Structure formats: structure tokens, C-alpha cells
PDB file of all heavy atoms in Angstrom:
ATOM      1  N   VAL A   1    -113.746  82.067 -50.796  1.00  0.00           N
ATOM      2  CA  VAL A   1    -112.464  82.221 -50.118  1.00  0.00           C
ATOM      3  C   VAL A   1    -112.774  82.571 -48.668  1.00  0.00           C
ATOM      4  O   VAL A   1    -113.472  83.566 -48.403  1.00  0.00           O
ATOM      5  CB  VAL A   1    -111.615  83.327 -50.768  1.00  0.00           C
ATOM      6  CG1 VAL A   1    -110.311  83.512 -49.989  1.00  0.00           C
ATOM      7  CG2 VAL A   1    -111.331  83.000 -52.222  1.00  0.00           C
ATOM      8  N   LEU A   2    -112.284  81.765 -47.733  1.00  0.00           N
ATOM      9  CA  LEU A   2    -112.551  81.989 -46.317  1.00  0.00           C
ATOM     10  C   LEU A   2    -111.300  82.498 -45.614  1.00  0.00           C
ATOM     11  O   LEU A   2    -110.197  81.999 -45.853  1.00  0.00           O
ATOM     12  CB  LEU A   2    -113.035  80.696 -45.655  1.00  0.00           C
ATOM     13  CG  LEU A   2    -114.350  80.115 -46.200  1.00  0.00           C
ATOM     14  CD1 LEU A   2    -114.736  78.857 -45.438  1.00  0.00           C
ATOM     15  CD2 LEU A   2    -115.469  81.143 -46.140  1.00  0.00           C
ATOM     16  N   VAL A   3    -111.496  83.481 -44.743  1.00  0.00           N
ATOM     17  CA  VAL A   3    -110.389  84.085 -44.003  1.00  0.00           C
ATOM     18  C   VAL A   3    -110.738  84.111 -42.522  1.00  0.00           C
ATOM     19  O   VAL A   3    -111.918  84.017 -42.146  1.00  0.00           O
ATOM     20  CB  VAL A   3    -110.102  85.524 -44.507  1.00  0.00           C
ATOM     21  CG1 VAL A   3    -109.709  85.512 -45.980  1.00  0.00           C
ATOM     22  CG2 VAL A   3    -111.318  86.434 -44.278  1.00  0.00           C
ATOM     23  N   PRO A   4    -109.750  84.243 -41.646  1.00  0.00           N
ATOM     24  CA  PRO A   4    -110.056  84.337 -40.211  1.00  0.00           C
ATOM     25  C   PRO A   4    -110.841  85.608 -39.889  1.00  0.00           C
ATOM     26  O   PRO A   4    -110.678  86.634 -40.547  1.00  0.00           O
ATOM     27  CB  PRO A   4    -108.671  84.371 -39.550  1.00  0.00           C
ATOM     28  CG  PRO A   4    -107.729  83.839 -40.578  1.00  0.00           C
ATOM     29  CD  PRO A   4    -108.301  84.234 -41.904  1.00  0.00           C
ATOM     30  N   ALA A   5    -111.683  85.536 -38.874  1.00  0.00           N
ATOM     31  CA  ALA A   5    -112.427  86.718 -38.432  1.00  0.00           C
ATOM     32  C   ALA A   5    -111.476  87.743 -37.830  1.00  0.00           C
ATOM     33  O   ALA A   5    -110.438  87.390 -37.252  1.00  0.00           O
ATOM     34  CB  ALA A   5    -113.486  86.313 -37.415  1.00  0.00           C
ATOM     35  N   ALA A   6    -111.825  89.025 -37.998  1.00  0.00           N
ATOM     36  CA  ALA A   6    -111.091  90.151 -37.401  1.00  0.00           C
ATOM     37  C   ALA A   6    -109.646  90.242 -37.890  1.00  0.00           C
ATOM     38  O   ALA A   6    -108.797  90.800 -37.192  1.00  0.00           O
ATOM     39  CB  ALA A   6    -111.126  90.058 -35.873  1.00  0.00           C
ATOM     40  N   ASP A   7    -109.367  89.716 -39.076  1.00  0.00           N
ATOM     41  CA  ASP A   7    -108.011  89.747 -39.639  1.00  0.00           C
ATOM     42  C   ASP A   7    -108.017  90.669 -40.860  1.00  0.00           C
ATOM     43  O   ASP A   7    -108.343  90.255 -41.976  1.00  0.00           O
ATOM     44  CB  ASP A   7    -107.575  88.337 -40.033  1.00  0.00           C
ATOM     45  CG  ASP A   7    -106.097  88.243 -40.406  1.00  0.00           C
ATOM     46  OD1 ASP A   7    -105.564  89.239 -40.921  1.00  0.00           O
ATOM     47  OD2 ASP A   7    -105.507  87.170 -40.189  1.00  0.00           O
ATOM     48  N   THR A   8    -107.650  91.924 -40.634  1.00  0.00           N
ATOM     49  CA  THR A   8    -107.676  92.917 -41.713  1.00  0.00           C
ATOM     50  C   THR A   8    -106.757  92.528 -42.861  1.00  0.00           C
ATOM     51  O   THR A   8    -107.123  92.644 -44.041  1.00  0.00           O
ATOM     52  CB  THR A   8    -107.274  94.300 -41.170  1.00  0.00           C
ATOM     53  OG1 THR A   8    -108.158  94.672 -40.122  1.00  0.00           O
ATOM     54  CG2 THR A   8    -107.319  95.355 -42.267  1.00  0.00           C
ATOM     55  N   ASP A   9    -105.553  92.051 -42.548  1.00  0.00           N
ATOM     56  CA  ASP A   9    -104.589  91.708 -43.589  1.00  0.00           C
ATOM     57  C   ASP A   9    -105.118  90.583 -44.479  1.00  0.00           C
ATOM     58  O   ASP A   9    -105.010  90.647 -45.714  1.00  0.00           O
ATOM     59  CB  ASP A   9    -103.258  91.293 -42.963  1.00  0.00           C
ATOM     60  CG  ASP A   9    -102.532  92.448 -42.285  1.00  0.00           C
ATOM     61  OD1 ASP A   9    -102.817  93.608 -42.648  1.00  0.00           O
ATOM     62  OD2 ASP A   9    -101.693  92.191 -41.406  1.00  0.00           O
ATOM     63  N   ALA A  10    -105.686  89.541 -43.866  1.00  0.00           N
ATOM     64  CA  ALA A  10    -106.178  88.404 -44.639  1.00  0.00           C
ATOM     65  C   ALA A  10    -107.352  88.801 -45.517  1.00  0.00           C
ATOM     66  O   ALA A  10    -107.446  88.390 -46.676  1.00  0.00           O
ATOM     67  CB  ALA A  10    -106.578  87.269 -43.697  1.00  0.00           C
ATOM     68  N   LEU A  11    -108.250  89.611 -44.966  1.00  0.00           N
ATOM     69  CA  LEU A  11    -109.401  90.060 -45.746  1.00  0.00           C
ATOM     70  C   LEU A  11    -108.948  90.919 -46.918  1.00  0.00           C
ATOM     71  O   LEU A  11    -109.395  90.728 -48.068  1.00  0.00           O
ATOM     72  CB  LEU A  11    -110.363  90.849 -44.853  1.00  0.00           C
ATOM     73  CG  LEU A  11    -111.633  91.373 -45.534  1.00  0.00           C
ATOM     74  CD1 LEU A  11    -112.529  90.222 -45.956  1.00  0.00           C
ATOM     75  CD2 LEU A  11    -112.386  92.322 -44.605  1.00  0.00           C
ATOM     76  N   ALA A  12    -108.054  91.863 -46.653  1.00  0.00           N
ATOM     77  CA  ALA A  12    -107.580  92.762 -47.707  1.00  0.00           C
ATOM     78  C   ALA A  12    -106.886  91.981 -48.814  1.00  0.00           C
ATOM     79  O   ALA A  12    -107.100  92.236 -50.003  1.00  0.00           O
ATOM     80  CB  ALA A  12    -106.636  93.804 -47.114  1.00  0.00           C
ATOM     81  N   ALA A  13    -106.054  91.009 -48.450  1.00  0.00           N
ATOM     82  CA  ALA A  13    -105.305  90.244 -49.446  1.00  0.00           C
ATOM     83  C   ALA A  13    -106.233  89.368 -50.280  1.00  0.00           C
ATOM     84  O   ALA A  13    -106.059  89.259 -51.503  1.00  0.00           O
ATOM     85  CB  ALA A  13    -104.249  89.384 -48.749  1.00  0.00           C
ATOM     86  N   ALA A  14    -107.212  88.728 -49.648  1.00  0.00           N
ATOM     87  CA  ALA A  14    -108.110  87.834 -50.373  1.00  0.00           C
ATOM     88  C   ALA A  14    -108.938  88.588 -51.403  1.00  0.00           C
ATOM     89  O   ALA A  14    -109.094  88.145 -52.550  1.00  0.00           O
ATOM     90  CB  ALA A  14    -109.017  87.107 -49.383  1.00  0.00           C
ATOM     91  N   VAL A  15    -109.464  89.737 -51.005  1.00  0.00           N
ATOM     92  CA  VAL A  15    -110.285  90.520 -51.937  1.00  0.00           C
ATOM     93  C   VAL A  15    -109.424  91.079 -53.064  1.00  0.00           C
ATOM     94  O   VAL A  15    -109.801  91.031 -54.249  1.00  0.00           O
ATOM     95  CB  VAL A  15    -111.028  91.644 -51.199  1.00  0.00           C
ATOM     96  CG1 VAL A  15    -111.725  92.569 -52.189  1.00  0.00           C
ATOM     97  CG2 VAL A  15    -112.042  91.052 -50.221  1.00  0.00           C
ATOM     98  N   ALA A  16    -108.257  91.609 -52.726  1.00  0.00           N
ATOM     99  CA  ALA A  16    -107.376  92.162 -53.753  1.00  0.00           C
ATOM    100  C   ALA A  16    -106.983  91.097 -54.770  1.00  0.00           C
ATOM    101  O   ALA A  16    -106.924  91.363 -55.980  1.00  0.00           O
ATOM    102  CB  ALA A  16    -106.129  92.759 -53.102  1.00  0.00           C
ATOM    103  N   SER A  17    -106.735  89.887 -54.296  1.00  0.00           N
ATOM    104  CA  SER A  17    -106.380  88.796 -55.200  1.00  0.00           C
ATOM    105  C   SER A  17    -107.498  88.524 -56.202  1.00  0.00           C
ATOM    106  O   SER A  17    -107.248  88.349 -57.407  1.00  0.00           O
ATOM    107  CB  SER A  17    -106.078  87.524 -54.398  1.00  0.00           C
ATOM    108  OG  SER A  17    -105.813  86.432 -55.253  1.00  0.00           O
ATOM    109  N   LEU A  18    -108.740  88.502 -55.729  1.00  0.00           N
ATOM    110  CA  LEU A  18    -109.863  88.254 -56.632  1.00  0.00           C
ATOM    111  C   LEU A  18    -110.057  89.394 -57.622  1.00  0.00           C
ATOM    112  O   LEU A  18    -110.348  89.168 -58.805  1.00  0.00           O
ATOM    113  CB  LEU A  18    -111.146  88.057 -55.818  1.00  0.00           C
ATOM    114  CG  LEU A  18    -111.320  86.703 -55.132  1.00  0.00           C
ATOM    115  CD1 LEU A  18    -112.637  86.670 -54.354  1.00  0.00           C
ATOM    116  CD2 LEU A  18    -111.297  85.572 -56.145  1.00  0.00           C
ATOM    117  N   ILE A  19    -109.909  90.618 -57.158  1.00  0.00           N
ATOM    118  CA  ILE A  19    -110.080  91.769 -58.055  1.00  0.00           C
ATOM    119  C   ILE A  19    -109.054  91.731 -59.174  1.00  0.00           C
ATOM    120  O   ILE A  19    -109.347  92.065 -60.329  1.00  0.00           O
ATOM    121  CB  ILE A  19    -109.966  93.094 -57.264  1.00  0.00           C
ATOM    122  CG1 ILE A  19    -111.132  93.228 -56.273  1.00  0.00           C
ATOM    123  CG2 ILE A  19    -109.936  94.289 -58.206  1.00  0.00           C
ATOM    124  CD1 ILE A  19    -112.496  93.270 -56.908  1.00  0.00           C
ATOM    125  N   GLN A  20    -107.840  91.306 -58.860  1.00  0.00           N
ATOM    126  CA  GLN A  20    -106.748  91.335 -59.823  1.00  0.00           C
ATOM    127  C   GLN A  20    -106.671  90.079 -60.681  1.00  0.00           C
ATOM    128  O   GLN A  20    -105.882  90.049 -61.640  1.00  0.00           O
ATOM    129  CB  GLN A  20    -105.424  91.542 -59.088  1.00  0.00           C
ATOM    130  CG  GLN A  20    -105.332  92.906 -58.393  1.00  0.00           C
ATOM    131  CD  GLN A  20    -104.105  93.014 -57.510  1.00  0.00           C
ATOM    132  OE1 GLN A  20    -103.839  92.142 -56.688  1.00  0.00           O
ATOM    133  NE2 GLN A  20    -103.344  94.088 -57.684  1.00  0.00           N
ATOM    134  N   ARG A  21    -107.466  89.053 -60.360  1.00  0.00           N
ATOM    135  CA  ARG A  21    -107.377  87.786 -61.078  1.00  0.00           C
ATOM    136  C   ARG A  21    -108.763  87.369 -61.598  1.00  0.00           C
ATOM    137  O   ARG A  21    -109.495  86.637 -60.931  1.00  0.00           O
ATOM    138  CB  ARG A  21    -106.806  86.694 -60.175  1.00  0.00           C
ATOM    139  CG  ARG A  21    -105.336  86.932 -59.802  1.00  0.00           C
ATOM    140  CD  ARG A  21    -104.854  85.916 -58.785  1.00  0.00           C
ATOM    141  NE  ARG A  21    -103.418  86.000 -58.589  1.00  0.00           N
ATOM    142  CZ  ARG A  21    -102.823  86.886 -57.802  1.00  0.00           C
ATOM    143  NH1 ARG A  21    -103.556  87.773 -57.143  1.00  0.00           N
ATOM    144  NH2 ARG A  21    -101.506  86.902 -57.678  1.00  0.00           N
ATOM    145  N   PRO A  22    -109.115  87.804 -62.795  1.00  0.00           N
ATOM    146  CA  PRO A  22    -110.422  87.448 -63.365  1.00  0.00           C
ATOM    147  C   PRO A  22    -110.634  85.949 -63.482  1.00  0.00           C
ATOM    148  O   PRO A  22    -111.756  85.462 -63.308  1.00  0.00           O
ATOM    149  CB  PRO A  22    -110.389  88.109 -64.751  1.00  0.00           C
ATOM    150  CG  PRO A  22    -109.385  89.210 -64.639  1.00  0.00           C
ATOM    151  CD  PRO A  22    -108.355  88.712 -63.675  1.00  0.00           C
ATOM    152  N   GLY A  23    -109.581  85.203 -63.743  1.00  0.00           N
ATOM    153  CA  GLY A  23    -109.720  83.753 -63.847  1.00  0.00           C
ATOM    154  C   GLY A  23    -110.145  83.122 -62.542  1.00  0.00           C
ATOM    155  O   GLY A  23    -110.956  82.184 -62.520  1.00  0.00           O
ATOM    156  N   GLN A  24    -109.624  83.621 -61.438  1.00  0.00           N
ATOM    157  CA  GLN A  24    -110.023  83.123 -60.122  1.00  0.00           C
ATOM    158  C   GLN A  24    -111.482  83.448 -59.841  1.00  0.00           C
ATOM    159  O   GLN A  24    -112.211  82.635 -59.287  1.00  0.00           O
ATOM    160  CB  GLN A  24    -109.115  83.728 -59.039  1.00  0.00           C
ATOM    161  CG  GLN A  24    -109.323  83.130 -57.652  1.00  0.00           C
ATOM    162  CD  GLN A  24    -108.412  83.775 -56.607  1.00  0.00           C
ATOM    163  OE1 GLN A  24    -107.726  84.758 -56.872  1.00  0.00           O
ATOM    164  NE2 GLN A  24    -108.411  83.208 -55.406  1.00  0.00           N
ATOM    165  N   ARG A  25    -111.913  84.639 -60.265  1.00  0.00           N
ATOM    166  CA  ARG A  25    -113.320  85.002 -60.085  1.00  0.00           C
ATOM    167  C   ARG A  25    -114.223  84.089 -60.910  1.00  0.00           C
ATOM    168  O   ARG A  25    -115.280  83.659 -60.442  1.00  0.00           O
ATOM    169  CB  ARG A  25    -113.556  86.470 -60.465  1.00  0.00           C
ATOM    170  CG  ARG A  25    -112.850  87.464 -59.560  1.00  0.00           C
ATOM    171  CD  ARG A  25    -113.541  88.823 -59.573  1.00  0.00           C
ATOM    172  NE  ARG A  25    -113.688  89.390 -60.897  1.00  0.00           N
ATOM    173  CZ  ARG A  25    -112.754  90.111 -61.523  1.00  0.00           C
ATOM    174  NH1 ARG A  25    -111.571  90.308 -60.949  1.00  0.00           N
ATOM    175  NH2 ARG A  25    -112.978  90.623 -62.723  1.00  0.00           N
ATOM    176  N   ARG A  26    -113.813  83.789 -62.149  1.00  0.00           N
ATOM    177  CA  ARG A  26    -114.627  82.901 -62.988  1.00  0.00           C
ATOM    178  C   ARG A  26    -114.742  81.513 -62.373  1.00  0.00           C
ATOM    179  O   ARG A  26    -115.817  80.893 -62.395  1.00  0.00           O
ATOM    180  CB  ARG A  26    -114.034  82.825 -64.391  1.00  0.00           C
ATOM    181  CG  ARG A  26    -114.262  84.075 -65.234  1.00  0.00           C
ATOM    182  CD  ARG A  26    -113.940  83.827 -66.689  1.00  0.00           C
ATOM    183  NE  ARG A  26    -112.521  83.561 -66.896  1.00  0.00           N
ATOM    184  CZ  ARG A  26    -111.614  84.515 -67.150  1.00  0.00           C
ATOM    185  NH1 ARG A  26    -111.982  85.788 -67.214  1.00  0.00           N
ATOM    186  NH2 ARG A  26    -110.345  84.197 -67.335  1.00  0.00           N
ATOM    187  N   GLU A  27    -113.662  81.012 -61.807  1.00  0.00           N
ATOM    188  CA  GLU A  27    -113.700  79.695 -61.162  1.00  0.00           C
ATOM    189  C   GLU A  27    -114.649  79.701 -59.971  1.00  0.00           C
ATOM    190  O   GLU A  27    -115.439  78.767 -59.779  1.00  0.00           O
ATOM    191  CB  GLU A  27    -112.290  79.304 -60.714  1.00  0.00           C
ATOM    192  CG  GLU A  27    -112.218  78.019 -59.896  1.00  0.00           C
ATOM    193  CD  GLU A  27    -112.678  76.774 -60.638  1.00  0.00           C
ATOM    194  OE1 GLU A  27    -112.648  76.776 -61.888  1.00  0.00           O
ATOM    195  OE2 GLU A  27    -113.075  75.804 -59.970  1.00  0.00           O
ATOM    196  N   LEU A  28    -114.604  80.742 -59.155  1.00  0.00           N
ATOM    197  CA  LEU A  28    -115.507  80.835 -58.015  1.00  0.00           C
ATOM    198  C   LEU A  28    -116.955  80.978 -58.463  1.00  0.00           C
ATOM    199  O   LEU A  28    -117.870  80.464 -57.805  1.00  0.00           O
ATOM    200  CB  LEU A  28    -115.119  82.008 -57.114  1.00  0.00           C
ATOM    201  CG  LEU A  28    -113.969  81.749 -56.136  1.00  0.00           C
ATOM    202  CD1 LEU A  28    -113.670  83.011 -55.334  1.00  0.00           C
ATOM    203  CD2 LEU A  28    -114.279  80.596 -55.200  1.00  0.00           C
ATOM    204  N   THR A  29    -117.170  81.666 -59.574  1.00  0.00           N
ATOM    205  CA  THR A  29    -118.527  81.781 -60.119  1.00  0.00           C
ATOM    206  C   THR A  29    -119.081  80.407 -60.466  1.00  0.00           C
ATOM    207  O   THR A  29    -120.233  80.079 -60.143  1.00  0.00           O
ATOM    208  CB  THR A  29    -118.528  82.690 -61.359  1.00  0.00           C
ATOM    209  OG1 THR A  29    -118.299  84.029 -60.943  1.00  0.00           O
ATOM    210  CG2 THR A  29    -119.862  82.622 -62.097  1.00  0.00           C
ATOM    211  N   GLN A  30    -118.286  79.575 -61.114  1.00  0.00           N
ATOM    212  CA  GLN A  30    -118.726  78.227 -61.467  1.00  0.00           C
ATOM    213  C   GLN A  30    -119.000  77.390 -60.223  1.00  0.00           C
ATOM    214  O   GLN A  30    -119.999  76.668 -60.138  1.00  0.00           O
ATOM    215  CB  GLN A  30    -117.676  77.557 -62.349  1.00  0.00           C
ATOM    216  CG  GLN A  30    -117.505  78.212 -63.710  1.00  0.00           C
ATOM    217  CD  GLN A  30    -116.306  77.676 -64.475  1.00  0.00           C
ATOM    218  OE1 GLN A  30    -115.581  76.809 -63.992  1.00  0.00           O
ATOM    219  NE2 GLN A  30    -116.089  78.207 -65.673  1.00  0.00           N
ATOM    220  N   ARG A  31    -118.110  77.490 -59.240  1.00  0.00           N
ATOM    221  CA  ARG A  31    -118.309  76.735 -57.996  1.00  0.00           C
ATOM    222  C   ARG A  31    -119.555  77.211 -57.253  1.00  0.00           C
ATOM    223  O   ARG A  31    -120.287  76.407 -56.663  1.00  0.00           O
ATOM    224  CB  ARG A  31    -117.085  76.894 -57.094  1.00  0.00           C
ATOM    225  CG  ARG A  31    -115.828  76.227 -57.628  1.00  0.00           C
ATOM    226  CD  ARG A  31    -114.694  76.361 -56.634  1.00  0.00           C
ATOM    227  NE  ARG A  31    -113.458  75.796 -57.144  1.00  0.00           N
ATOM    228  CZ  ARG A  31    -112.338  75.703 -56.433  1.00  0.00           C
ATOM    229  NH1 ARG A  31    -112.310  76.163 -55.178  1.00  0.00           N
ATOM    230  NH2 ARG A  31    -111.260  75.184 -56.964  1.00  0.00           N
ATOM    231  N   ALA A  32    -119.784  78.522 -57.259  1.00  0.00           N
ATOM    232  CA  ALA A  32    -120.959  79.071 -56.572  1.00  0.00           C
ATOM    233  C   ALA A  32    -122.241  78.510 -57.168  1.00  0.00           C
ATOM    234  O   ALA A  32    -123.155  78.113 -56.443  1.00  0.00           O
ATOM    235  CB  ALA A  32    -120.950  80.598 -56.654  1.00  0.00           C
ATOM    236  N   ARG A  33    -122.310  78.478 -58.485  1.00  0.00           N
ATOM    237  CA  ARG A  33    -123.526  77.979 -59.136  1.00  0.00           C
ATOM    238  C   ARG A  33    -123.742  76.496 -58.858  1.00  0.00           C
ATOM    239  O   ARG A  33    -124.882  76.050 -58.680  1.00  0.00           O
ATOM    240  CB  ARG A  33    -123.460  78.261 -60.632  1.00  0.00           C
ATOM    241  CG  ARG A  33    -123.629  79.757 -60.939  1.00  0.00           C
ATOM    242  CD  ARG A  33    -123.390  80.080 -62.387  1.00  0.00           C
ATOM    243  NE  ARG A  33    -123.681  81.493 -62.648  1.00  0.00           N
ATOM    244  CZ  ARG A  33    -123.191  82.180 -63.664  1.00  0.00           C
ATOM    245  NH1 ARG A  33    -122.370  81.590 -64.536  1.00  0.00           N
ATOM    246  NH2 ARG A  33    -123.498  83.450 -63.818  1.00  0.00           N
ATOM    247  N   ARG A  34    -122.642  75.731 -58.820  1.00  0.00           N
ATOM    248  CA  ARG A  34    -122.784  74.304 -58.484  1.00  0.00           C
ATOM    249  C   ARG A  34    -123.260  74.138 -57.046  1.00  0.00           C
ATOM    250  O   ARG A  34    -124.129  73.310 -56.762  1.00  0.00           O
ATOM    251  CB  ARG A  34    -121.451  73.582 -58.691  1.00  0.00           C
ATOM    252  CG  ARG A  34    -121.055  73.371 -60.145  1.00  0.00           C
ATOM    253  CD  ARG A  34    -119.974  72.310 -60.260  1.00  0.00           C
ATOM    254  NE  ARG A  34    -118.744  72.690 -59.584  1.00  0.00           N
ATOM    255  CZ  ARG A  34    -117.729  73.328 -60.177  1.00  0.00           C
ATOM    256  NH1 ARG A  34    -117.812  73.655 -61.457  1.00  0.00           N
ATOM    257  NH2 ARG A  34    -116.643  73.625 -59.498  1.00  0.00           N
ATOM    258  N   ARG A  35    -122.672  74.917 -56.142  1.00  0.00           N
ATOM    259  CA  ARG A  35    -123.067  74.813 -54.733  1.00  0.00           C
ATOM    260  C   ARG A  35    -124.520  75.233 -54.541  1.00  0.00           C
ATOM    261  O   ARG A  35    -125.259  74.617 -53.755  1.00  0.00           O
ATOM    262  CB  ARG A  35    -122.155  75.672 -53.858  1.00  0.00           C
ATOM    263  CG  ARG A  35    -122.545  75.716 -52.373  1.00  0.00           C
ATOM    264  CD  ARG A  35    -122.518  74.343 -51.750  1.00  0.00           C
ATOM    265  NE  ARG A  35    -122.977  74.366 -50.364  1.00  0.00           N
ATOM    266  CZ  ARG A  35    -123.827  73.490 -49.836  1.00  0.00           C
ATOM    267  NH1 ARG A  35    -124.328  72.512 -50.591  1.00  0.00           N
ATOM    268  NH2 ARG A  35    -124.182  73.571 -48.581  1.00  0.00           N
ATOM    269  N   ALA A  36    -124.956  76.253 -55.263  1.00  0.00           N
ATOM    270  CA  ALA A  36    -126.331  76.735 -55.132  1.00  0.00           C
ATOM    271  C   ALA A  36    -127.336  75.654 -55.480  1.00  0.00           C
ATOM    272  O   ALA A  36    -128.427  75.582 -54.891  1.00  0.00           O
ATOM    273  CB  ALA A  36    -126.546  77.958 -56.015  1.00  0.00           C
ATOM    274  N   MET A  37    -126.986  74.783 -56.408  1.00  0.00           N
ATOM    275  CA  MET A  37    -127.903  73.710 -56.799  1.00  0.00           C
ATOM    276  C   MET A  37    -128.149  72.729 -55.659  1.00  0.00           C
ATOM    277  O   MET A  37    -129.167  72.042 -55.635  1.00  0.00           O
ATOM    278  CB  MET A  37    -127.345  72.979 -58.026  1.00  0.00           C
ATOM    279  CG  MET A  37    -127.307  73.833 -59.288  1.00  0.00           C
ATOM    280  SD  MET A  37    -126.510  72.989 -60.682  1.00  0.00           S
ATOM    281  CE  MET A  37    -127.675  71.642 -60.952  1.00  0.00           C
ATOM    282  N   GLY A  38    -127.223  72.652 -54.706  1.00  0.00           N
ATOM    283  CA  GLY A  38    -127.380  71.737 -53.586  1.00  0.00           C
ATOM    284  C   GLY A  38    -127.943  72.367 -52.328  1.00  0.00           C
ATOM    285  O   GLY A  38    -128.089  71.684 -51.309  1.00  0.00           O
ATOM    286  N   LEU A  39    -128.255  73.651 -52.369  1.00  0.00           N
ATOM    287  CA  LEU A  39    -128.792  74.319 -51.182  1.00  0.00           C
ATOM    288  C   LEU A  39    -130.265  73.975 -50.986  1.00  0.00           C
ATOM    289  O   LEU A  39    -130.988  73.767 -51.964  1.00  0.00           O
ATOM    290  CB  LEU A  39    -128.643  75.839 -51.309  1.00  0.00           C
ATOM    291  CG  LEU A  39    -127.221  76.390 -51.288  1.00  0.00           C
ATOM    292  CD1 LEU A  39    -127.244  77.893 -51.476  1.00  0.00           C
ATOM    293  CD2 LEU A  39    -126.510  76.020 -49.991  1.00  0.00           C
ATOM    294  N   PRO A  40    -130.728  73.924 -49.738  1.00  0.00           N
ATOM    295  CA  PRO A  40    -132.148  73.641 -49.506  1.00  0.00           C
ATOM    296  C   PRO A  40    -133.029  74.775 -49.997  1.00  0.00           C
ATOM    297  O   PRO A  40    -132.663  75.946 -49.893  1.00  0.00           O
ATOM    298  CB  PRO A  40    -132.231  73.507 -47.981  1.00  0.00           C
ATOM    299  CG  PRO A  40    -131.080  74.319 -47.460  1.00  0.00           C
ATOM    300  CD  PRO A  40    -129.993  74.149 -48.481  1.00  0.00           C
ATOM    301  N   THR A  41    -134.168  74.408 -50.551  1.00  0.00           N
ATOM    302  CA  THR A  41    -135.160  75.418 -50.939  1.00  0.00           C
ATOM    303  C   THR A  41    -136.044  75.730 -49.738  1.00  0.00           C
ATOM    304  O   THR A  41    -135.999  75.044 -48.712  1.00  0.00           O
ATOM    305  CB  THR A  41    -136.030  74.892 -52.083  1.00  0.00           C
ATOM    306  OG1 THR A  41    -136.769  73.749 -51.600  1.00  0.00           O
ATOM    307  CG2 THR A  41    -135.183  74.489 -53.283  1.00  0.00           C
ATOM    308  N   ALA A  42    -136.870  76.748 -49.890  1.00  0.00           N
ATOM    309  CA  ALA A  42    -137.806  77.096 -48.815  1.00  0.00           C
ATOM    310  C   ALA A  42    -138.746  75.935 -48.520  1.00  0.00           C
ATOM    311  O   ALA A  42    -139.099  75.675 -47.359  1.00  0.00           O
ATOM    312  CB  ALA A  42    -138.598  78.338 -49.202  1.00  0.00           C
TER     313      ALA A  42
END
């Protein structure tokens, strides 16, 4: 989840949404693992 820099309200809302929504966290977990497979190795 990307938010504008120096925006306290946007940061607070985005994190609170994830904390309160386990399903959203699970979806991001799956996306993170897929994205990690495409990252360059050392």
C-alpha cells in the first residue's frame, strides 16, 4: 500500500486498515511472495 510522503493522515489510515482487515493482510502477503520471486539476486 503506497501513500504520499509526509502525509500523516494517509499513513495512519493505511496502517489502521491493514491491522483491522486480516484478509487484506493475507492478500498482500501473497503478492509480496510473488513479487519477491522476481527481484534480482545478489
